[in-house]
């Protein structure tokens, strides 16, 4: 099948899709002759519309023909129409489908045209986003649509502009990253997710320490109470001794001045110790209460360390005709 140069420039192929191609070719296998004839008829109708620049109707005819017969040349014609109607992404996908049968499936000139058109689309009207996510089970979305599940890496052809890459996994912080990519550029990056967990901890792992301080304060209070009771008992005894000494002094001397004040020494000592125990116990109780409050369980969420760093590079070299197969991370 030969292409005329003017027809190439106009995006119209003058030769029809041949329904009598070699049966060994993949797109001939399993396709009944009546389906091929129907596809040929629709192709001819689409070609006339294409020549008349009625591109929307030509597109419909080509798409209908492809439903009857998946022929690589039909994909090339549809790609031409899509390029001229401002649908570069669909055009690229159809040209790529036309080449999926490998070298020799198309007329050499037609194949060269398809490859050149794909390269031109990549440089001027399309961009590439490549993302890697090593988190098992993480769902990666592109523009809100499910893309792939980690671990792994995928690339997708997109229109230039802003896109949103999202990664989600239960128990992890979601990563949402706007990515702006220009025509002819490739944006690549690696997604990292961090666990979203609630951690409960205390200031001191030995939770019994504050309560031990409170217990010590209570024990000191009880000691003080016991010493106070003991001091009262001893003071009562000292009162008896003092009164007896007072009476003796009054009988023997003109002045009634007792000389037995030392009988209260034991009670005074016990009172002093009791007061000290009360003070120390109160301080211990207050300190223990503060420590219990400070050591209460505290819950907090782990920090979000998820991120994605984007690297921008040319999407295709001057001689490339397809997507780059190398991903940089």
Protein backbone atom coordinates (compact mmCIF):
# COMPACT_ATOMS: atom_id res chain seq x y z
CA UNK A 1 0.00 0.00 0.00
CA UNK A 2 1.54 3.33 -1.06
CA UNK A 3 0.96 6.75 0.47
CA UNK A 4 0.91 9.94 -1.58
CA UNK A 5 2.83 12.80 0.04
CA UNK A 6 -0.04 15.23 -0.30
CA UNK A 7 -2.39 12.71 1.26
CA UNK A 8 -0.05 12.33 4.21
CA UNK A 9 0.05 16.07 4.72
CA UNK A 10 -3.73 16.26 4.56
CA UNK A 11 -4.10 13.33 6.93
CA UNK A 12 -6.07 11.30 4.35
CA UNK A 13 -4.99 7.90 3.04
CA UNK A 14 -6.07 7.24 -0.54
CA UNK A 15 -5.83 3.45 -0.40
CA UNK A 16 -8.56 1.42 1.23
CA UNK A 17 -8.16 -1.14 3.94
CA UNK A 18 -7.77 -4.41 2.10
CA UNK A 19 -10.15 -7.09 3.22
CA UNK A 20 -8.21 -9.77 1.34
CA UNK A 21 -4.99 -9.55 3.34
CA UNK A 22 -2.90 -12.59 4.06
CA UNK A 23 -4.80 -14.92 6.40
CA UNK A 24 -1.74 -15.55 8.52
CA UNK A 25 -1.72 -11.98 9.81
CA UNK A 26 -3.09 -11.72 13.36
CA UNK A 27 -5.86 -9.24 12.61
CA UNK A 28 -7.27 -11.57 9.94
CA UNK A 29 -7.55 -14.58 12.19
CA UNK A 30 -11.05 -15.40 13.39
CA UNK A 31 -12.71 -12.49 11.56
CA UNK A 32 -15.55 -13.57 9.21
CA UNK A 33 -15.50 -12.22 5.68
CA UNK A 34 -18.80 -10.37 6.14
CA UNK A 35 -17.33 -8.42 9.06
CA UNK A 36 -14.34 -7.47 6.95
CA UNK A 37 -16.60 -6.28 4.16
CA UNK A 38 -18.66 -4.21 6.59
CA UNK A 39 -15.50 -2.65 7.98
CA UNK A 40 -14.32 -1.89 4.43
CA UNK A 41 -17.61 -0.18 3.63
CA UNK A 42 -17.47 1.95 6.78
CA UNK A 43 -13.86 2.81 6.08
CA UNK A 44 -14.71 4.09 2.59
CA UNK A 45 -17.50 6.22 4.04
CA UNK A 46 -15.17 7.57 6.69
CA UNK A 47 -12.48 8.33 4.11
CA UNK A 48 -14.90 10.45 2.06
CA UNK A 49 -15.92 12.35 5.15
CA UNK A 50 -12.27 12.75 6.08
CA UNK A 51 -11.48 14.22 2.66
CA UNK A 52 -14.36 16.65 3.07
CA UNK A 53 -12.96 17.67 6.49
CA UNK A 54 -16.10 16.45 8.23
CA UNK A 55 -13.87 15.08 10.95
CA UNK A 56 -16.38 14.26 13.68
CA UNK A 57 -18.41 12.04 11.34
CA UNK A 58 -15.24 10.52 9.91
CA UNK A 59 -14.16 9.61 13.41
CA UNK A 60 -17.49 7.89 14.06
CA UNK A 61 -17.17 5.84 10.87
CA UNK A 62 -13.61 4.74 11.68
CA UNK A 63 -14.59 3.77 15.22
CA UNK A 64 -17.56 1.80 13.94
CA UNK A 65 -15.37 0.03 11.40
CA UNK A 66 -12.95 -0.95 14.17
CA UNK A 67 -15.79 -2.59 16.05
CA UNK A 68 -16.19 -4.93 13.10
CA UNK A 69 -12.51 -5.43 12.36
CA UNK A 70 -9.49 -4.52 14.47
CA UNK A 71 -7.17 -3.51 11.64
CA UNK A 72 -3.92 -1.57 12.30
CA UNK A 73 -4.39 0.76 9.33
CA UNK A 74 -7.81 1.79 10.62
CA UNK A 75 -6.11 2.81 13.86
CA UNK A 76 -3.73 5.04 11.93
CA UNK A 77 -6.60 6.78 10.12
CA UNK A 78 -8.47 7.28 13.37
CA UNK A 79 -5.30 8.67 14.95
CA UNK A 80 -5.02 11.25 12.17
CA UNK A 81 -8.56 12.46 12.73
CA UNK A 82 -8.06 12.65 16.50
CA UNK A 83 -4.87 14.68 16.06
CA UNK A 84 -6.68 17.19 13.84
CA UNK A 85 -9.61 17.48 16.26
CA UNK A 86 -7.42 18.33 19.26
CA UNK A 87 -7.44 14.95 21.01
CA UNK A 88 -3.73 14.15 21.25
CA UNK A 89 -4.01 11.54 24.01
CA UNK A 90 -6.56 9.45 22.14
CA UNK A 91 -4.57 9.91 18.93
CA UNK A 92 -1.41 8.61 20.57
CA UNK A 93 -3.21 5.59 22.02
CA UNK A 94 -4.62 4.66 18.59
CA UNK A 95 -1.27 5.06 16.87
CA UNK A 96 0.29 2.93 19.55
CA UNK A 97 -2.35 0.26 18.96
CA UNK A 98 -1.58 0.35 15.26
CA UNK A 99 2.07 -0.50 16.02
CA UNK A 100 1.38 -3.17 18.61
CA UNK A 101 1.63 -5.94 15.98
CA UNK A 102 5.32 -5.16 15.53
CA UNK A 103 7.45 -4.11 12.55
CA UNK A 104 6.04 -5.02 9.16
CA UNK A 105 2.41 -4.94 10.17
CA UNK A 106 1.96 -1.66 8.34
CA UNK A 107 3.17 -0.31 5.04
CA UNK A 108 6.70 1.08 5.71
CA UNK A 109 5.65 4.63 4.92
CA UNK A 110 2.53 4.33 7.06
CA UNK A 111 4.55 2.88 9.94
CA UNK A 112 7.12 5.67 9.69
CA UNK A 113 4.31 8.23 9.70
CA UNK A 114 2.73 6.66 12.81
CA UNK A 115 6.05 6.67 14.67
CA UNK A 116 6.82 10.23 13.67
CA UNK A 117 3.36 11.37 14.75
CA UNK A 118 3.76 9.68 18.13
CA UNK A 119 7.12 11.34 18.67
CA UNK A 120 5.68 14.72 17.71
CA UNK A 121 2.75 14.28 20.10
CA UNK A 122 5.11 13.43 22.95
CA UNK A 123 7.28 16.48 22.32
CA UNK A 124 4.56 19.05 21.75
CA UNK A 125 1.20 17.98 23.15
CA UNK A 126 1.63 15.25 25.77
CA UNK A 127 3.50 14.57 28.99
CA UNK A 128 4.39 11.52 31.08
CA UNK A 129 3.95 10.84 34.79
CA UNK A 130 5.95 7.96 36.32
CA UNK A 131 5.39 7.01 39.95
CA UNK A 132 6.90 4.35 42.18
CA UNK A 133 5.37 3.18 45.46
CA UNK A 134 7.13 0.51 47.55
CA UNK A 135 4.42 0.28 50.24
CA UNK A 136 2.67 -3.12 49.91
CA UNK A 137 -1.08 -2.78 49.50
CA UNK A 138 -1.03 0.99 48.98
CA UNK A 139 -3.56 2.17 46.39
CA UNK A 140 -2.15 4.82 44.07
CA UNK A 141 -4.61 7.10 42.27
CA UNK A 142 -4.08 9.58 39.47
CA UNK A 143 -6.59 12.42 39.30
CA UNK A 144 -8.89 10.52 41.65
CA UNK A 145 -8.94 7.34 39.55
CA UNK A 146 -7.38 4.08 40.69
CA UNK A 147 -4.03 3.59 39.00
CA UNK A 148 -2.12 0.69 40.59
CA UNK A 149 -1.44 -1.04 43.91
CA UNK A 150 2.02 -1.06 45.44
CA UNK A 151 4.65 -2.21 45.53
CA UNK A 152 5.57 -1.30 42.00
CA UNK A 153 6.05 1.46 39.47
CA UNK A 154 3.81 2.64 36.65
CA UNK A 155 3.87 5.36 34.04
CA UNK A 156 1.02 7.05 32.24
CA UNK A 157 0.66 9.39 29.33
CA UNK A 158 -1.27 12.54 30.30
CA UNK A 159 -2.21 15.93 28.97
CA UNK A 160 0.03 18.81 30.09
CA UNK A 161 -1.13 20.69 33.17
CA UNK A 162 -1.83 19.94 36.80
CA UNK A 163 -2.55 16.40 37.96
CA UNK A 164 -2.99 14.95 41.43
CA UNK A 165 -1.22 11.81 42.62
CA UNK A 166 -2.71 10.16 45.71
CA UNK A 167 -1.61 7.15 47.76
CA UNK A 168 -3.82 5.53 50.40
CA UNK A 169 -3.50 2.58 52.76
CA UNK A 170 -5.44 1.73 55.89
CA UNK A 171 -3.50 2.69 59.00
CA UNK A 172 -1.31 5.14 57.08
CA UNK A 173 -1.48 8.85 56.33
CA UNK A 174 -2.78 9.60 52.84
CA UNK A 175 -0.32 11.29 50.50
CA UNK A 176 -1.82 13.85 48.11
CA UNK A 177 0.54 15.61 45.74
CA UNK A 178 -0.30 18.03 42.91
CA UNK A 179 2.01 17.47 39.95
CA UNK A 180 2.40 20.07 37.23
CA UNK A 181 3.93 18.68 34.05
CA UNK A 182 4.60 20.51 30.80
CA UNK A 183 4.33 19.22 27.26
CA UNK A 184 7.31 17.10 26.31
CA UNK A 185 8.31 16.55 29.94
CA UNK A 186 8.33 13.52 32.20
CA UNK A 187 7.59 13.91 35.91
CA UNK A 188 8.84 10.99 37.98
CA UNK A 189 8.94 10.33 41.70
CA UNK A 190 8.65 7.88 44.60
CA UNK A 191 5.76 7.84 47.05
CA UNK A 192 6.49 7.27 50.73
CA UNK A 193 3.72 6.59 53.26
CA UNK A 194 4.03 6.77 57.03
CA UNK A 195 2.02 4.84 59.61
CA UNK A 196 -0.90 6.66 61.23
CA UNK A 197 -1.08 5.21 64.75
CA UNK A 198 -2.17 6.38 68.20
CA UNK A 199 0.52 5.90 70.83
CA UNK A 200 -0.21 5.99 74.58
CA UNK A 201 2.67 6.51 76.97
CA UNK A 202 3.58 7.84 80.43
CA UNK A 203 6.33 10.21 81.47
CA UNK A 204 7.80 7.49 83.65
CA UNK A 205 7.47 3.85 82.75
CA UNK A 206 7.51 2.90 86.47
CA UNK A 207 3.95 4.04 87.15
CA UNK A 208 4.18 2.91 90.79
CA UNK A 209 6.68 5.64 91.74
CA UNK A 210 4.16 8.52 92.19
CA UNK A 211 1.86 6.26 94.15
CA UNK A 212 4.79 5.19 96.34
CA UNK A 213 5.41 8.86 97.15
CA UNK A 214 1.73 9.27 98.07
CA UNK A 215 1.95 6.13 100.22
CA UNK A 216 5.02 7.49 101.96
CA UNK A 217 3.17 10.73 102.65
CA UNK A 218 0.25 8.81 104.13
CA UNK A 219 2.61 6.73 106.27
CA UNK A 220 4.27 9.88 107.61
CA UNK A 221 0.84 11.28 108.42
CA UNK A 222 -0.05 8.14 110.35
CA UNK A 223 3.30 8.29 112.15
CA UNK A 224 2.61 11.89 113.11
CA UNK A 225 -0.84 10.97 114.40
CA UNK A 226 0.67 8.13 116.46
CA UNK A 227 3.35 10.38 117.88
CA UNK A 228 0.76 13.03 118.73
CA UNK A 229 -1.28 10.47 120.63
CA UNK A 230 1.87 9.21 122.40
CA UNK A 231 2.88 12.79 123.28
CA UNK A 232 -0.53 13.45 124.80
CA UNK A 233 -0.21 10.35 126.93
CA UNK A 234 3.23 11.40 128.14
CA UNK A 235 2.05 14.96 128.78
CA UNK A 236 -0.81 13.67 130.88
CA UNK A 237 1.68 11.73 132.98
CA UNK A 238 3.95 14.75 133.16
CA UNK A 239 1.02 16.87 134.36
CA UNK A 240 0.55 14.48 137.29
CA UNK A 241 4.22 14.61 138.15
CA UNK A 242 4.30 18.38 137.83
CA UNK A 243 1.32 18.88 140.11
CA UNK A 244 2.86 16.60 142.74
CA UNK A 245 6.13 18.50 142.55
CA UNK A 246 4.20 21.77 142.82
CA UNK A 247 2.48 20.66 145.98
CA UNK A 248 5.77 19.56 147.56
CA UNK A 249 7.39 22.85 146.72
CA UNK A 250 4.56 24.79 148.30
CA UNK A 251 4.83 22.83 151.57
CA UNK A 252 8.59 23.22 151.90
CA UNK A 253 9.25 26.74 150.67
CA UNK A 254 7.69 30.17 150.90
CA UNK A 255 7.49 30.43 147.08
CA UNK A 256 5.58 27.76 145.25
CA UNK A 257 7.98 27.30 142.29
CA UNK A 258 8.15 23.82 140.83
CA UNK A 259 11.54 22.56 139.69
CA UNK A 260 10.45 19.50 137.69
CA UNK A 261 9.90 21.06 134.21
CA UNK A 262 11.95 18.29 132.66
CA UNK A 263 9.04 15.88 133.01
CA UNK A 264 7.58 17.41 129.78
CA UNK A 265 10.73 16.83 127.70
CA UNK A 266 9.58 13.49 126.31
CA UNK A 267 6.18 14.87 125.29
CA UNK A 268 7.80 17.93 123.70
CA UNK A 269 10.13 15.72 121.65
CA UNK A 270 7.28 13.53 120.48
CA UNK A 271 5.18 16.59 119.56
CA UNK A 272 8.07 18.01 117.56
CA UNK A 273 8.58 14.76 115.69
CA UNK A 274 4.82 14.50 115.10
CA UNK A 275 4.68 18.01 113.63
CA UNK A 276 7.64 17.18 111.39
CA UNK A 277 5.92 13.99 110.27
CA UNK A 278 2.74 15.90 109.44
CA UNK A 279 4.69 18.46 107.43
CA UNK A 280 6.75 15.87 105.61
CA UNK A 281 3.67 13.70 104.98
CA UNK A 282 1.73 16.67 103.57
CA UNK A 283 4.60 17.56 101.27
CA UNK A 284 4.86 13.94 100.16
CA UNK A 285 1.11 13.74 99.48
CA UNK A 286 1.15 16.94 97.42
CA UNK A 287 4.27 15.83 95.54
CA UNK A 288 2.80 12.40 94.90
CA UNK A 289 -0.44 13.93 93.59
CA UNK A 290 1.51 16.17 91.22
CA UNK A 291 3.56 13.20 90.03
CA UNK A 292 0.42 11.12 89.45
CA UNK A 293 -1.06 13.96 87.38
CA UNK A 294 2.15 14.39 85.39
CA UNK A 295 2.41 10.64 84.79
CA UNK A 296 -1.14 10.20 83.53
CA UNK A 297 -1.40 8.33 80.19
CA UNK A 298 -1.02 10.60 77.18
CA UNK A 299 -2.11 9.65 73.66
CA UNK A 300 -0.83 11.21 70.45
CA UNK A 301 -0.69 10.38 66.76
CA UNK A 302 2.52 9.53 65.04
CA UNK A 303 3.97 12.23 62.82
CA UNK A 304 3.20 12.22 59.11
CA UNK A 305 6.45 11.68 57.19
CA UNK A 306 4.81 10.72 53.89
CA UNK A 307 6.02 12.56 50.83
CA UNK A 308 6.65 12.44 47.12
CA UNK A 309 9.51 14.20 45.39
CA UNK A 310 9.06 14.89 41.71
CA UNK A 311 11.86 14.99 39.14
CA UNK A 312 11.15 16.55 35.76
CA UNK A 313 13.02 15.43 32.64
CA UNK A 314 12.41 15.38 28.88
CA UNK A 315 9.75 12.83 27.99
CA UNK A 316 11.35 11.75 24.73
CA UNK A 317 14.56 12.36 22.84
CA UNK A 318 14.68 13.74 19.34
CA UNK A 319 14.86 10.27 17.80
CA UNK A 320 12.53 8.38 20.11
CA UNK A 321 9.17 7.28 18.86
CA UNK A 322 7.61 5.99 22.08
CA UNK A 323 7.55 6.34 25.80
CA UNK A 324 10.87 6.14 27.61
CA UNK A 325 11.39 2.84 29.36
CA UNK A 326 13.80 4.17 31.98
CA UNK A 327 12.42 5.46 35.26
CA UNK A 328 14.60 7.62 37.49
CA UNK A 329 14.13 7.66 41.26
